[in-house]
Amino acid sequence: MSLEDAGFFISKLRDENRYHEDIFGVTLRTYEVTNRLRSESIAFIEESKRILMRCSALRTVLDVRTLSGRDHR
């Protein structure tokens, strides 16, 4: 592989977020790492959606109580 081809290859890996340079050198992101990060991101998004749904339901209950005058103790 020529030096120019190697440069193009590294640029392509960088663009695909499969290449990272740190103080220790080069780290190639493997399928397993990428897959784990994707799974964690999806789990975080799903949990965030569940929390938002609970907040929305609670807000609805509070709105109904306020409108019906049942918020007084």
C-alpha atoms as a PDB file:
ATOM      1  CA  MET A   1       0.000   0.000   0.000  1.00  0.00           C
ATOM      2  CA  SER A   2       1.411   3.366  -0.935  1.00  0.00           C
ATOM      3  CA  LEU A   3       1.736   6.191   1.566  1.00  0.00           C
ATOM      4  CA  GLU A   4      -1.037   8.070  -0.240  1.00  0.00           C
ATOM      5  CA  ASP A   5      -3.343   5.012  -0.152  1.00  0.00           C
ATOM      6  CA  ALA A   6      -2.600   4.574   3.551  1.00  0.00           C
ATOM      7  CA  GLY A   7      -3.559   8.207   4.166  1.00  0.00           C
ATOM      8  CA  PHE A   8      -6.859   7.744   2.331  1.00  0.00           C
ATOM      9  CA  PHE A   9      -7.544   4.551   4.282  1.00  0.00           C
ATOM     10  CA  ILE A  10      -6.918   6.225   7.657  1.00  0.00           C
ATOM     11  CA  SER A  11      -9.098   9.182   6.628  1.00  0.00           C
ATOM     12  CA  LYS A  12     -11.908   6.793   5.709  1.00  0.00           C
ATOM     13  CA  LEU A  13     -11.635   5.014   9.074  1.00  0.00           C
ATOM     14  CA  ARG A  14     -11.712   8.390  10.853  1.00  0.00           C
ATOM     15  CA  ASP A  15     -14.805   9.463   8.894  1.00  0.00           C
ATOM     16  CA  GLU A  16     -16.546   6.214   9.884  1.00  0.00           C
ATOM     17  CA  ASN A  17     -15.589   6.797  13.543  1.00  0.00           C
ATOM     18  CA  ARG A  18     -13.599   3.559  13.535  1.00  0.00           C
ATOM     19  CA  TYR A  19     -10.207   5.153  14.235  1.00  0.00           C
ATOM     20  CA  HIS A  20      -9.031   7.156  17.215  1.00  0.00           C
ATOM     21  CA  GLU A  21      -5.630   8.536  18.182  1.00  0.00           C
ATOM     22  CA  ASP A  22      -4.788   9.064  21.820  1.00  0.00           C
ATOM     23  CA  ILE A  23      -1.623   9.627  23.830  1.00  0.00           C
ATOM     24  CA  PHE A  24      -0.851   5.911  23.684  1.00  0.00           C
ATOM     25  CA  GLY A  25      -1.100   5.639  19.911  1.00  0.00           C
ATOM     26  CA  VAL A  26      -3.812   4.312  17.684  1.00  0.00           C
ATOM     27  CA  THR A  27      -6.975   2.557  18.763  1.00  0.00           C
ATOM     28  CA  LEU A  28      -9.117   0.797  16.200  1.00  0.00           C
ATOM     29  CA  ARG A  29     -12.694   0.508  17.323  1.00  0.00           C
ATOM     30  CA  THR A  30     -13.841  -3.036  16.905  1.00  0.00           C
ATOM     31  CA  TYR A  31     -17.322  -4.246  16.077  1.00  0.00           C
ATOM     32  CA  GLU A  32     -17.868  -5.375  19.672  1.00  0.00           C
ATOM     33  CA  VAL A  33     -17.047  -1.961  21.135  1.00  0.00           C
ATOM     34  CA  THR A  34     -19.180  -0.157  18.570  1.00  0.00           C
ATOM     35  CA  ASN A  35     -22.049  -2.597  19.110  1.00  0.00           C
ATOM     36  CA  ARG A  36     -21.850  -2.205  22.900  1.00  0.00           C
ATOM     37  CA  LEU A  37     -21.892   1.586  22.629  1.00  0.00           C
ATOM     38  CA  ARG A  38     -24.877   1.426  20.294  1.00  0.00           C
ATOM     39  CA  SER A  39     -26.743  -0.901  22.683  1.00  0.00           C
ATOM     40  CA  GLU A  40     -26.019   1.368  25.649  1.00  0.00           C
ATOM     41  CA  SER A  41     -27.223   4.402  23.692  1.00  0.00           C
ATOM     42  CA  ILE A  42     -30.451   2.662  22.708  1.00  0.00           C
ATOM     43  CA  ALA A  43     -31.061   1.568  26.314  1.00  0.00           C
ATOM     44  CA  PHE A  44     -30.494   5.150  27.521  1.00  0.00           C
ATOM     45  CA  ILE A  45     -32.917   6.536  24.936  1.00  0.00           C
ATOM     46  CA  GLU A  46     -35.586   3.965  25.841  1.00  0.00           C
ATOM     47  CA  GLU A  47     -35.238   4.699  29.567  1.00  0.00           C
ATOM     48  CA  SER A  48     -35.473   8.439  28.851  1.00  0.00           C
ATOM     49  CA  LYS A  49     -38.689   7.848  26.911  1.00  0.00           C
ATOM     50  CA  ARG A  50     -40.158   5.856  29.827  1.00  0.00           C
ATOM     51  CA  ILE A  51     -39.297   8.646  32.262  1.00  0.00           C
ATOM     52  CA  LEU A  52     -40.847  11.272  29.995  1.00  0.00           C
ATOM     53  CA  MET A  53     -44.023   9.199  29.661  1.00  0.00           C
ATOM     54  CA  ARG A  54     -44.285   8.903  33.466  1.00  0.00           C
ATOM     55  CA  CYS A  55     -43.773  12.663  33.848  1.00  0.00           C
ATOM     56  CA  SER A  56     -46.417  13.328  31.213  1.00  0.00           C
ATOM     57  CA  ALA A  57     -48.904  11.016  32.958  1.00  0.00           C
ATOM     58  CA  LEU A  58     -48.219  12.661  36.319  1.00  0.00           C
ATOM     59  CA  ARG A  59     -48.663  16.113  34.803  1.00  0.00           C
ATOM     60  CA  THR A  60     -52.027  15.002  33.368  1.00  0.00           C
ATOM     61  CA  VAL A  61     -53.181  13.755  36.780  1.00  0.00           C
ATOM     62  CA  LEU A  62     -52.119  17.015  38.417  1.00  0.00           C
ATOM     63  CA  ASP A  63     -53.852  19.070  35.715  1.00  0.00           C
ATOM     64  CA  VAL A  64     -57.098  17.116  36.198  1.00  0.00           C
ATOM     65  CA  ARG A  65     -56.949  17.598  39.968  1.00  0.00           C
ATOM     66  CA  THR A  66     -56.290  21.315  39.563  1.00  0.00           C
ATOM     67  CA  LEU A  67     -59.121  21.773  37.073  1.00  0.00           C
ATOM     68  CA  SER A  68     -61.573  19.861  39.244  1.00  0.00           C
ATOM     69  CA  GLY A  69     -60.593  21.787  42.369  1.00  0.00           C
ATOM     70  CA  ARG A  70     -59.387  18.658  44.146  1.00  0.00           C
ATOM     71  CA  ASP A  71     -55.919  20.022  44.797  1.00  0.00           C
ATOM     72  CA  HIS A  72     -57.026  21.624  48.091  1.00  0.00           C
ATOM     73  CA  ARG A  73     -56.275  19.731  51.278  1.00  0.00           C
END
